[in-house]
Amino acid sequence: MHRLCLFVLLLAHVTGHAGTVQDEAAGSAAEAPADDPPVAAQRRALELSARNNPYAITPHRPNYLLPLSYSHRPKSELLNLGDRRLDNSEIKFQLSFKLAIWAEPFAQPVDLFFAYTGRSFWQAYNSKLSAPFRDTNHEPEIFLLTHHDWQWGAVSDINLRLGLNHQSNGQSLPLSRSWNRVYAGISGRWRQFFADAVFWQRLPEDPKTSPEDPEGDDNPGIENTVGRAEFTLAWVIQKKTINLNWRNNLRSDLKGGLTGAFTFPLNSRMKGYLEFFTGYGETLLDYNRSNERLSFGIALNDWP
């Protein structure tokens, strides 16, 4: 279990200096006077201060540890397990951080960020298989994010972003999965609601000449199941957050994935985290296979 302890310590460090940025932002959105600076501006100031602090990095997506995670149909056919089977119960965790690497290039209201998100599915309770990691998805990205904080009617903190994203599970054939995308997104707030929409285009890859070919597309048609866009809506009320995230392929069959999450404060640093997922692509190994999962654990930051 030393790997789990190491992860908890790393998770605490990632959000230790700036992990409260999003909590403060969510609270101030509902409580701050109208003449206070925009929430997004407060967050940007803290993120840029972290750039000059060698002991701090800032959260990008939610950081969580879910030791109670039950999957309806864990996929084992590709893993060559013979008569052995994957456990339905495993540990799911995510570590996500970003770093501002260039503030206002060309004197424009835009910042350049690097970010990394790692999501793991660990068969920690499966002693028969020596507790392997079933899949780990690595997702580095680089993106431009505006900080003009436009306002449209009652919607405030409107910002745009444009980026390049790579996602891979770092495995060899036949378990190798990876793809590259360019994306554009927009986010904004209305009172206690936070909304975000992202649309992406997959960068094309040549088809494989054979299943053993290390070159070419490891997961053909992934955009038809995992999706071509992602929509997030979060409602923050009395330090609790209800979050809905929907990935969609923008086709008539509406394939993708739906995640519903609820966080509530445990103490000044940690939140209880309940999550339900249904659909395709929770892990890259399951890009073309639907699954359902219910998880519970702790989180250190939310989306807003």
C-alpha atoms as a PDB file:
ATOM      1  CA  MET A   1       0.000   0.000   0.000  1.00  0.00           C
ATOM      2  CA  HIS A   2       3.020   2.305  -0.092  1.00  0.00           C
ATOM      3  CA  ARG A   3       2.008   3.473  -3.574  1.00  0.00           C
ATOM      4  CA  LEU A   4      -1.336   4.636  -2.208  1.00  0.00           C
ATOM      5  CA  CYS A   5       0.359   6.563   0.624  1.00  0.00           C
ATOM      6  CA  LEU A   6       2.714   8.207  -1.875  1.00  0.00           C
ATOM      7  CA  PHE A   7      -0.209   9.250  -4.044  1.00  0.00           C
ATOM      8  CA  VAL A   8      -2.057  10.800  -1.090  1.00  0.00           C
ATOM      9  CA  LEU A   9       1.028  12.839  -0.166  1.00  0.00           C
ATOM     10  CA  LEU A  10       1.479  14.005  -3.772  1.00  0.00           C
ATOM     11  CA  LEU A  11      -2.200  14.884  -4.041  1.00  0.00           C
ATOM     12  CA  ALA A  12      -1.976  16.994  -0.913  1.00  0.00           C
ATOM     13  CA  HIS A  13       1.085  18.815  -2.276  1.00  0.00           C
ATOM     14  CA  VAL A  14      -0.542  19.588  -5.623  1.00  0.00           C
ATOM     15  CA  THR A  15      -3.392  21.435  -3.958  1.00  0.00           C
ATOM     16  CA  GLY A  16      -1.612  22.494  -0.787  1.00  0.00           C
ATOM     17  CA  HIS A  17      -0.716  26.027  -1.878  1.00  0.00           C
ATOM     18  CA  ALA A  18      -3.362  26.743  -4.481  1.00  0.00           C
ATOM     19  CA  GLY A  19      -5.894  23.946  -4.137  1.00  0.00           C
ATOM     20  CA  THR A  20      -8.318  26.250  -2.377  1.00  0.00           C
ATOM     21  CA  VAL A  21      -8.422  28.517  -5.422  1.00  0.00           C
ATOM     22  CA  GLN A  22     -11.503  26.854  -6.846  1.00  0.00           C
ATOM     23  CA  ASP A  23     -13.203  26.536  -3.448  1.00  0.00           C
ATOM     24  CA  GLU A  24     -12.643  30.235  -2.795  1.00  0.00           C
ATOM     25  CA  ALA A  25     -13.844  31.059  -6.288  1.00  0.00           C
ATOM     26  CA  ALA A  26     -17.035  29.021  -5.886  1.00  0.00           C
ATOM     27  CA  GLY A  27     -17.807  30.596  -2.527  1.00  0.00           C
ATOM     28  CA  SER A  28     -17.023  34.151  -3.586  1.00  0.00           C
ATOM     29  CA  ALA A  29     -19.204  33.803  -6.677  1.00  0.00           C
ATOM     30  CA  ALA A  30     -22.247  33.661  -4.423  1.00  0.00           C
ATOM     31  CA  GLU A  31     -21.022  35.758  -1.473  1.00  0.00           C
ATOM     32  CA  ALA A  32     -18.727  38.535  -2.783  1.00  0.00           C
ATOM     33  CA  PRO A  33     -20.069  42.066  -3.245  1.00  0.00           C
ATOM     34  CA  ALA A  34     -20.764  43.168  -6.794  1.00  0.00           C
ATOM     35  CA  ASP A  35     -17.736  45.495  -6.827  1.00  0.00           C
ATOM     36  CA  ASP A  36     -15.274  42.699  -5.978  1.00  0.00           C
ATOM     37  CA  PRO A  37     -12.912  41.490  -8.747  1.00  0.00           C
ATOM     38  CA  PRO A  38     -14.291  38.675 -10.950  1.00  0.00           C
ATOM     39  CA  VAL A  39     -13.803  35.179  -9.574  1.00  0.00           C
ATOM     40  CA  ALA A  40     -11.736  34.188 -12.609  1.00  0.00           C
ATOM     41  CA  ALA A  41      -9.408  37.140 -12.015  1.00  0.00           C
ATOM     42  CA  GLN A  42      -8.840  36.060  -8.419  1.00  0.00           C
ATOM     43  CA  ARG A  43      -8.029  32.543  -9.577  1.00  0.00           C
ATOM     44  CA  ARG A  44      -5.627  33.798 -12.256  1.00  0.00           C
ATOM     45  CA  ALA A  45      -3.724  35.907  -9.718  1.00  0.00           C
ATOM     46  CA  LEU A  46      -3.183  32.883  -7.505  1.00  0.00           C
ATOM     47  CA  GLU A  47      -2.207  30.652 -10.433  1.00  0.00           C
ATOM     48  CA  LEU A  48       0.363  33.160 -11.675  1.00  0.00           C
ATOM     49  CA  SER A  49       1.796  33.513  -8.167  1.00  0.00           C
ATOM     50  CA  ALA A  50       2.256  29.741  -8.095  1.00  0.00           C
ATOM     51  CA  ARG A  51       4.342  30.012 -11.278  1.00  0.00           C
ATOM     52  CA  ASN A  52       7.043  31.806  -9.293  1.00  0.00           C
ATOM     53  CA  ASN A  53       6.795  29.472  -6.295  1.00  0.00           C
ATOM     54  CA  PRO A  54       8.945  26.324  -6.747  1.00  0.00           C
ATOM     55  CA  TYR A  55       6.938  24.564  -4.023  1.00  0.00           C
ATOM     56  CA  ALA A  56       3.481  25.040  -5.545  1.00  0.00           C
ATOM     57  CA  ILE A  57       1.526  23.874  -8.562  1.00  0.00           C
ATOM     58  CA  THR A  58      -2.182  24.428  -9.155  1.00  0.00           C
ATOM     59  CA  PRO A  59      -5.039  21.990  -9.816  1.00  0.00           C
ATOM     60  CA  HIS A  60      -6.396  21.653 -13.344  1.00  0.00           C
ATOM     61  CA  ARG A  61      -9.231  19.126 -13.182  1.00  0.00           C
ATOM     62  CA  PRO A  62     -10.631  17.504 -10.022  1.00  0.00           C
ATOM     63  CA  ASN A  63      -8.103  15.671  -7.836  1.00  0.00           C
ATOM     64  CA  TYR A  64      -9.601  12.712  -6.008  1.00  0.00           C
ATOM     65  CA  LEU A  65      -9.015   9.316  -4.413  1.00  0.00           C
ATOM     66  CA  LEU A  66     -11.914   6.836  -4.568  1.00  0.00           C
ATOM     67  CA  PRO A  67     -11.060   3.683  -2.564  1.00  0.00           C
ATOM     68  CA  LEU A  68     -14.616   2.374  -2.941  1.00  0.00           C
ATOM     69  CA  SER A  69     -15.220   2.052  -6.671  1.00  0.00           C
ATOM     70  CA  TYR A  70     -17.501  -0.642  -8.109  1.00  0.00           C
ATOM     71  CA  SER A  71     -17.560  -1.344 -11.845  1.00  0.00           C
ATOM     72  CA  HIS A  72     -20.460  -3.270 -13.340  1.00  0.00           C
ATOM     73  CA  ARG A  73     -18.421  -4.925 -16.108  1.00  0.00           C
ATOM     74  CA  PRO A  74     -14.634  -4.598 -15.789  1.00  0.00           C
ATOM     75  CA  LYS A  75     -13.057  -5.574 -19.087  1.00  0.00           C
ATOM     76  CA  SER A  76     -10.680  -8.536 -18.856  1.00  0.00           C
ATOM     77  CA  GLU A  77     -10.788 -10.199 -22.276  1.00  0.00           C
ATOM     78  CA  LEU A  78      -7.752  -8.318 -23.613  1.00  0.00           C
ATOM     79  CA  LEU A  79      -5.621  -8.896 -20.523  1.00  0.00           C
ATOM     80  CA  ASN A  80      -4.940 -12.611 -21.143  1.00  0.00           C
ATOM     81  CA  LEU A  81      -5.967 -13.623 -17.631  1.00  0.00           C
ATOM     82  CA  GLY A  82      -7.129 -17.134 -18.493  1.00  0.00           C
ATOM     83  CA  ASP A  83      -9.519 -18.370 -15.803  1.00  0.00           C
ATOM     84  CA  ARG A  84      -8.649 -15.450 -13.529  1.00  0.00           C
ATOM     85  CA  ARG A  85     -10.993 -12.490 -13.433  1.00  0.00           C
ATOM     86  CA  LEU A  86     -10.819  -8.824 -12.601  1.00  0.00           C
ATOM     87  CA  ASP A  87     -12.532  -7.692  -9.424  1.00  0.00           C
ATOM     88  CA  ASN A  88     -15.573  -5.481  -9.749  1.00  0.00           C
ATOM     89  CA  SER A  89     -14.190  -3.394  -6.876  1.00  0.00           C
ATOM     90  CA  GLU A  90     -11.047  -1.356  -7.342  1.00  0.00           C
ATOM     91  CA  ILE A  91      -9.477   1.993  -6.450  1.00  0.00           C
ATOM     92  CA  LYS A  92      -9.885   4.886  -8.858  1.00  0.00           C
ATOM     93  CA  PHE A  93      -7.848   8.060  -8.491  1.00  0.00           C
ATOM     94  CA  GLN A  94      -6.984  11.154 -10.492  1.00  0.00           C
ATOM     95  CA  LEU A  95      -4.091  13.596 -10.224  1.00  0.00           C
ATOM     96  CA  SER A  96      -4.389  16.780 -12.306  1.00  0.00           C
ATOM     97  CA  PHE A  97      -2.296  19.935 -12.274  1.00  0.00           C
ATOM     98  CA  LYS A  98      -1.378  22.865 -14.499  1.00  0.00           C
ATOM     99  CA  LEU A  99       1.361  25.445 -14.737  1.00  0.00           C
ATOM    100  CA  ALA A 100       1.246  28.915 -16.308  1.00  0.00           C
ATOM    101  CA  ILE A 101       4.331  29.000 -18.505  1.00  0.00           C
ATOM    102  CA  TRP A 102       3.813  32.321 -20.334  1.00  0.00           C
ATOM    103  CA  ALA A 103       1.686  35.195 -19.070  1.00  0.00           C
ATOM    104  CA  GLU A 104       0.182  37.466 -21.721  1.00  0.00           C
ATOM    105  CA  PRO A 105       2.308  36.553 -24.751  1.00  0.00           C
ATOM    106  CA  PHE A 106       2.423  39.410 -27.263  1.00  0.00           C
ATOM    107  CA  ALA A 107       0.821  41.672 -24.622  1.00  0.00           C
ATOM    108  CA  GLN A 108      -2.602  40.104 -25.167  1.00  0.00           C
ATOM    109  CA  PRO A 109      -5.112  39.062 -22.418  1.00  0.00           C
ATOM    110  CA  VAL A 110      -4.170  35.391 -22.863  1.00  0.00           C
ATOM    111  CA  ASP A 111      -1.992  33.021 -20.798  1.00  0.00           C
ATOM    112  CA  LEU A 112      -0.221  29.868 -21.988  1.00  0.00           C
ATOM    113  CA  PHE A 113      -0.571  26.794 -19.760  1.00  0.00           C
ATOM    114  CA  PHE A 114       0.819  23.281 -19.610  1.00  0.00           C
ATOM    115  CA  ALA A 115      -1.365  20.705 -17.842  1.00  0.00           C
ATOM    116  CA  TYR A 116      -1.250  17.028 -17.005  1.00  0.00           C
ATOM    117  CA  THR A 117      -4.039  14.683 -15.877  1.00  0.00           C
ATOM    118  CA  GLY A 118      -3.452  11.068 -14.870  1.00  0.00           C
ATOM    119  CA  ARG A 119      -6.367   8.752 -14.093  1.00  0.00           C
ATOM    120  CA  SER A 120      -5.738   5.237 -12.739  1.00  0.00           C
ATOM    121  CA  PHE A 121      -7.833   2.132 -12.104  1.00  0.00           C
ATOM    122  CA  TRP A 122      -6.108  -0.074  -9.564  1.00  0.00           C
ATOM    123  CA  GLN A 123      -7.142  -3.654  -8.764  1.00  0.00           C
ATOM    124  CA  ALA A 124      -5.856  -3.115  -5.233  1.00  0.00           C
ATOM    125  CA  TYR A 125      -8.143  -5.745  -3.668  1.00  0.00           C
ATOM    126  CA  ASN A 126      -7.350  -8.447  -6.234  1.00  0.00           C
ATOM    127  CA  SER A 127      -4.655 -10.491  -4.471  1.00  0.00           C
ATOM    128  CA  LYS A 128      -5.050 -13.356  -6.970  1.00  0.00           C
ATOM    129  CA  LEU A 129      -3.652 -11.086  -9.675  1.00  0.00           C
ATOM    130  CA  SER A 130      -1.079  -9.422  -7.396  1.00  0.00           C
ATOM    131  CA  ALA A 131      -3.112  -6.171  -7.313  1.00  0.00           C
ATOM    132  CA  PRO A 132      -2.204  -4.780 -10.787  1.00  0.00           C
ATOM    133  CA  PHE A 133      -3.082  -1.409 -12.241  1.00  0.00           C
ATOM    134  CA  ARG A 134      -5.741  -2.295 -14.811  1.00  0.00           C
ATOM    135  CA  ASP A 135      -5.263   0.905 -16.812  1.00  0.00           C
ATOM    136  CA  THR A 136      -3.715   4.348 -16.357  1.00  0.00           C
ATOM    137  CA  ASN A 137      -4.532   7.152 -18.774  1.00  0.00           C
ATOM    138  CA  HIS A 138      -2.003   9.958 -19.221  1.00  0.00           C
ATOM    139  CA  GLU A 139      -3.227  13.251 -20.651  1.00  0.00           C
ATOM    140  CA  PRO A 140      -0.720  16.087 -21.170  1.00  0.00           C
ATOM    141  CA  GLU A 141      -1.961  19.218 -22.896  1.00  0.00           C
ATOM    142  CA  ILE A 142      -0.931  22.747 -23.756  1.00  0.00           C
ATOM    143  CA  PHE A 143      -3.479  25.528 -24.136  1.00  0.00           C
ATOM    144  CA  LEU A 144      -4.110  29.246 -24.354  1.00  0.00           C
ATOM    145  CA  LEU A 145      -6.651  30.674 -21.885  1.00  0.00           C
ATOM    146  CA  THR A 146      -8.091  34.171 -22.037  1.00  0.00           C
ATOM    147  CA  HIS A 147      -8.490  36.225 -18.879  1.00  0.00           C
ATOM    148  CA  HIS A 148     -10.553  39.094 -20.220  1.00  0.00           C
ATOM    149  CA  ASP A 149     -13.541  37.885 -18.144  1.00  0.00           C
ATOM    150  CA  TRP A 150     -16.224  39.018 -20.556  1.00  0.00           C
ATOM    151  CA  GLN A 151     -19.787  39.419 -19.390  1.00  0.00           C
ATOM    152  CA  TRP A 152     -22.938  38.702 -21.396  1.00  0.00           C
ATOM    153  CA  GLY A 153     -26.079  39.743 -19.608  1.00  0.00           C
ATOM    154  CA  ALA A 154     -26.127  37.990 -16.237  1.00  0.00           C
ATOM    155  CA  VAL A 155     -23.376  35.553 -17.294  1.00  0.00           C
ATOM    156  CA  SER A 156     -19.933  36.591 -16.022  1.00  0.00           C
ATOM    157  CA  ASP A 157     -16.351  35.285 -16.075  1.00  0.00           C
ATOM    158  CA  ILE A 158     -16.676  34.227 -19.709  1.00  0.00           C
ATOM    159  CA  ASN A 159     -13.335  32.919 -20.964  1.00  0.00           C
ATOM    160  CA  LEU A 160     -12.133  31.057 -24.040  1.00  0.00           C
ATOM    161  CA  ARG A 161      -9.370  28.498 -24.481  1.00  0.00           C
ATOM    162  CA  LEU A 162      -7.644  26.763 -27.374  1.00  0.00           C
ATOM    163  CA  GLY A 163      -5.372  23.777 -26.951  1.00  0.00           C
ATOM    164  CA  LEU A 164      -3.628  20.628 -28.094  1.00  0.00           C
ATOM    165  CA  ASN A 165      -4.217  17.407 -26.175  1.00  0.00           C
ATOM    166  CA  HIS A 166      -2.611  13.944 -26.168  1.00  0.00           C
ATOM    167  CA  GLN A 167      -4.099  10.966 -24.333  1.00  0.00           C
ATOM    168  CA  SER A 168      -2.439   7.561 -23.976  1.00  0.00           C
ATOM    169  CA  ASN A 169      -2.410   4.578 -21.645  1.00  0.00           C
ATOM    170  CA  GLY A 170       1.303   4.011 -22.169  1.00  0.00           C
ATOM    171  CA  GLN A 171       0.951   0.302 -22.914  1.00  0.00           C
ATOM    172  CA  SER A 172       2.288  -1.882 -25.703  1.00  0.00           C
ATOM    173  CA  LEU A 173       0.246  -3.879 -28.198  1.00  0.00           C
ATOM    174  CA  PRO A 174      -2.397  -5.206 -28.042  1.00  0.00           C
ATOM    175  CA  LEU A 175      -3.370  -2.929 -25.123  1.00  0.00           C
ATOM    176  CA  SER A 176      -1.942   0.294 -26.561  1.00  0.00           C
ATOM    177  CA  ARG A 177      -4.431   3.165 -26.829  1.00  0.00           C
ATOM    178  CA  SER A 178      -3.741   6.790 -27.781  1.00  0.00           C
ATOM    179  CA  TRP A 179      -5.088   9.759 -29.718  1.00  0.00           C
ATOM    180  CA  ASN A 180      -4.356  13.450 -30.318  1.00  0.00           C
ATOM    181  CA  ARG A 181      -6.852  16.322 -30.457  1.00  0.00           C
ATOM    182  CA  VAL A 182      -7.083  20.052 -30.985  1.00  0.00           C
ATOM    183  CA  TYR A 183      -9.857  21.658 -28.993  1.00  0.00           C
ATOM    184  CA  ALA A 184     -11.664  24.909 -28.278  1.00  0.00           C
ATOM    185  CA  GLY A 185     -13.648  25.660 -25.143  1.00  0.00           C
ATOM    186  CA  ILE A 186     -15.725  28.326 -23.445  1.00  0.00           C
ATOM    187  CA  SER A 187     -16.684  28.692 -19.777  1.00  0.00           C
ATOM    188  CA  GLY A 188     -18.780  31.098 -17.720  1.00  0.00           C
ATOM    189  CA  ARG A 189     -20.756  31.651 -14.518  1.00  0.00           C
ATOM    190  CA  TRP A 190     -24.285  32.629 -13.617  1.00  0.00           C
ATOM    191  CA  ARG A 191     -24.811  33.156  -9.904  1.00  0.00           C
ATOM    192  CA  GLN A 192     -23.955  29.792  -8.293  1.00  0.00           C
ATOM    193  CA  PHE A 193     -23.749  27.896 -11.594  1.00  0.00           C
ATOM    194  CA  PHE A 194     -20.576  27.162 -13.572  1.00  0.00           C
ATOM    195  CA  ALA A 195     -20.779  25.955 -17.180  1.00  0.00           C
ATOM    196  CA  ASP A 196     -18.109  24.752 -19.574  1.00  0.00           C
ATOM    197  CA  ALA A 197     -18.247  23.452 -23.146  1.00  0.00           C
ATOM    198  CA  VAL A 198     -15.376  21.930 -25.132  1.00  0.00           C
ATOM    199  CA  PHE A 199     -15.368  20.819 -28.761  1.00  0.00           C
ATOM    200  CA  TRP A 200     -12.483  18.883 -30.271  1.00  0.00           C
ATOM    201  CA  GLN A 201     -11.224  17.500 -33.549  1.00  0.00           C
ATOM    202  CA  ARG A 202      -9.167  14.343 -33.589  1.00  0.00           C
ATOM    203  CA  LEU A 203      -5.912  14.514 -35.533  1.00  0.00           C
ATOM    204  CA  PRO A 204      -6.046  11.724 -38.127  1.00  0.00           C
ATOM    205  CA  GLU A 205      -3.810   8.647 -38.022  1.00  0.00           C
ATOM    206  CA  ASP A 206      -3.092   6.090 -40.717  1.00  0.00           C
ATOM    207  CA  PRO A 207      -4.787   2.681 -40.309  1.00  0.00           C
ATOM    208  CA  LYS A 208      -2.669  -0.254 -39.165  1.00  0.00           C
ATOM    209  CA  THR A 209      -1.422  -2.677 -41.796  1.00  0.00           C
ATOM    210  CA  SER A 210      -1.921  -5.513 -39.286  1.00  0.00           C
ATOM    211  CA  PRO A 211      -2.946  -5.887 -35.598  1.00  0.00           C
ATOM    212  CA  GLU A 212       0.763  -6.255 -34.712  1.00  0.00           C
ATOM    213  CA  ASP A 213       1.756  -3.039 -36.517  1.00  0.00           C
ATOM    214  CA  PRO A 214       3.148  -0.610 -33.871  1.00  0.00           C
ATOM    215  CA  GLU A 215       2.390   2.329 -36.159  1.00  0.00           C
ATOM    216  CA  GLY A 216      -1.049   3.591 -37.046  1.00  0.00           C
ATOM    217  CA  ASP A 217      -4.377   3.986 -35.268  1.00  0.00           C
ATOM    218  CA  ASP A 218      -4.652   2.044 -31.994  1.00  0.00           C
ATOM    219  CA  ASN A 219      -8.326   2.859 -31.515  1.00  0.00           C
ATOM    220  CA  PRO A 220     -10.194   3.481 -34.786  1.00  0.00           C
ATOM    221  CA  GLY A 221     -13.473   5.310 -34.401  1.00  0.00           C
ATOM    222  CA  ILE A 222     -12.790   6.440 -30.832  1.00  0.00           C
ATOM    223  CA  GLU A 223     -14.461   9.794 -31.538  1.00  0.00           C
ATOM    224  CA  ASN A 224     -17.701   7.926 -32.370  1.00  0.00           C
ATOM    225  CA  THR A 225     -17.906   6.403 -28.889  1.00  0.00           C
ATOM    226  CA  VAL A 226     -15.868   8.595 -26.523  1.00  0.00           C
ATOM    227  CA  GLY A 227     -17.212  11.713 -28.215  1.00  0.00           C
ATOM    228  CA  ARG A 228     -16.443  14.956 -30.022  1.00  0.00           C
ATOM    229  CA  ALA A 229     -17.519  17.391 -27.316  1.00  0.00           C
ATOM    230  CA  GLU A 230     -17.864  17.674 -23.551  1.00  0.00           C
ATOM    231  CA  PHE A 231     -20.319  19.742 -21.514  1.00  0.00           C
ATOM    232  CA  THR A 232     -19.970  20.430 -17.781  1.00  0.00           C
ATOM    233  CA  LEU A 233     -22.500  22.058 -15.468  1.00  0.00           C
ATOM    234  CA  ALA A 234     -21.791  22.563 -11.763  1.00  0.00           C
ATOM    235  CA  TRP A 235     -24.044  23.999  -9.069  1.00  0.00           C
ATOM    236  CA  VAL A 236     -22.358  25.251  -5.915  1.00  0.00           C
ATOM    237  CA  ILE A 237     -24.613  25.683  -2.889  1.00  0.00           C
ATOM    238  CA  GLN A 238     -23.520  26.049   0.740  1.00  0.00           C
ATOM    239  CA  LYS A 239     -20.041  24.626   0.003  1.00  0.00           C
ATOM    240  CA  LYS A 240     -21.547  21.564  -1.692  1.00  0.00           C
ATOM    241  CA  THR A 241     -21.259  20.934  -5.414  1.00  0.00           C
ATOM    242  CA  ILE A 242     -23.470  18.982  -7.798  1.00  0.00           C
ATOM    243  CA  ASN A 243     -21.648  18.336 -11.058  1.00  0.00           C
ATOM    244  CA  LEU A 244     -22.815  16.856 -14.365  1.00  0.00           C
ATOM    245  CA  ASN A 245     -20.367  16.088 -17.174  1.00  0.00           C
ATOM    246  CA  TRP A 246     -21.555  14.805 -20.540  1.00  0.00           C
ATOM    247  CA  ARG A 247     -19.322  13.670 -23.381  1.00  0.00           C
ATOM    248  CA  ASN A 248     -21.147  13.276 -26.680  1.00  0.00           C
ATOM    249  CA  ASN A 249     -20.256  12.144 -30.189  1.00  0.00           C
ATOM    250  CA  LEU A 250     -22.637  14.718 -31.765  1.00  0.00           C
ATOM    251  CA  ARG A 251     -24.339  12.008 -33.794  1.00  0.00           C
ATOM    252  CA  SER A 252     -27.853  10.609 -33.786  1.00  0.00           C
ATOM    253  CA  ASP A 253     -26.877   7.588 -31.626  1.00  0.00           C
ATOM    254  CA  LEU A 254     -25.702   9.966 -28.825  1.00  0.00           C
ATOM    255  CA  LYS A 255     -22.856   7.759 -27.622  1.00  0.00           C
ATOM    256  CA  GLY A 256     -20.426   9.147 -25.071  1.00  0.00           C
ATOM    257  CA  GLY A 257     -20.271   9.170 -21.301  1.00  0.00           C
ATOM    258  CA  LEU A 258     -22.233  10.769 -18.464  1.00  0.00           C
ATOM    259  CA  THR A 259     -20.702  11.484 -15.046  1.00  0.00           C
ATOM    260  CA  GLY A 260     -22.671  12.753 -12.084  1.00  0.00           C
ATOM    261  CA  ALA A 261     -20.770  13.827  -8.962  1.00  0.00           C
ATOM    262  CA  PHE A 262     -21.587  15.278  -5.552  1.00  0.00           C
ATOM    263  CA  THR A 263     -19.027  16.772  -3.168  1.00  0.00           C
ATOM    264  CA  PHE A 264     -19.520  17.959   0.378  1.00  0.00           C
ATOM    265  CA  PRO A 265     -17.045  19.321   2.947  1.00  0.00           C
ATOM    266  CA  LEU A 266     -15.409  16.938   5.410  1.00  0.00           C
ATOM    267  CA  ASN A 267     -13.039  19.521   6.855  1.00  0.00           C
ATOM    268  CA  SER A 268     -11.256  22.665   5.728  1.00  0.00           C
ATOM    269  CA  ARG A 269      -9.073  20.659   3.322  1.00  0.00           C
ATOM    270  CA  MET A 270     -10.989  17.613   2.075  1.00  0.00           C
ATOM    271  CA  LYS A 271     -14.391  16.911   0.566  1.00  0.00           C
ATOM    272  CA  GLY A 272     -16.458  13.780   0.442  1.00  0.00           C
ATOM    273  CA  TYR A 273     -16.895  12.695  -3.178  1.00  0.00           C
ATOM    274  CA  LEU A 274     -19.647  10.504  -4.654  1.00  0.00           C
ATOM    275  CA  GLU A 275     -19.508   9.721  -8.367  1.00  0.00           C
ATOM    276  CA  PHE A 276     -21.580   7.738 -10.863  1.00  0.00           C
ATOM    277  CA  PHE A 277     -20.460   7.060 -14.436  1.00  0.00           C
ATOM    278  CA  THR A 278     -22.259   5.429 -17.339  1.00  0.00           C
ATOM    279  CA  GLY A 279     -21.194   5.177 -20.971  1.00  0.00           C
ATOM    280  CA  TYR A 280     -18.058   4.742 -23.061  1.00  0.00           C
ATOM    281  CA  GLY A 281     -14.460   5.737 -22.520  1.00  0.00           C
ATOM    282  CA  GLU A 282     -14.046   6.032 -18.766  1.00  0.00           C
ATOM    283  CA  THR A 283     -10.702   4.391 -19.509  1.00  0.00           C
ATOM    284  CA  LEU A 284      -9.057   4.150 -22.925  1.00  0.00           C
ATOM    285  CA  LEU A 285      -9.233   0.355 -22.825  1.00  0.00           C
ATOM    286  CA  ASP A 286     -13.026   0.769 -22.728  1.00  0.00           C
ATOM    287  CA  TYR A 287     -13.233   3.271 -25.564  1.00  0.00           C
ATOM    288  CA  ASN A 288     -15.621   1.045 -27.552  1.00  0.00           C
ATOM    289  CA  ARG A 289     -17.407  -0.655 -24.649  1.00  0.00           C
ATOM    290  CA  SER A 290     -20.078   0.697 -22.324  1.00  0.00           C
ATOM    291  CA  ASN A 291     -19.812   0.348 -18.561  1.00  0.00           C
ATOM    292  CA  GLU A 292     -21.313   1.678 -15.323  1.00  0.00           C
ATOM    293  CA  ARG A 293     -19.428   2.589 -12.142  1.00  0.00           C
ATOM    294  CA  LEU A 294     -20.288   3.891  -8.680  1.00  0.00           C
ATOM    295  CA  SER A 295     -17.464   5.357  -6.573  1.00  0.00           C
ATOM    296  CA  PHE A 296     -16.985   7.036  -3.212  1.00  0.00           C
ATOM    297  CA  GLY A 297     -13.973   8.688  -1.598  1.00  0.00           C
ATOM    298  CA  ILE A 298     -12.378  12.083  -1.085  1.00  0.00           C
ATOM    299  CA  ALA A 299     -11.647  15.056  -3.348  1.00  0.00           C
ATOM    300  CA  LEU A 300      -9.399  18.053  -2.868  1.00  0.00           C
ATOM    301  CA  ASN A 301     -10.962  20.350  -5.475  1.00  0.00           C
ATOM    302  CA  ASP A 302     -14.010  20.634  -7.714  1.00  0.00           C
ATOM    303  CA  TRP A 303     -14.493  21.837 -11.292  1.00  0.00           C
ATOM    304  CA  PRO A 304     -15.588  25.440 -10.579  1.00  0.00           C
END
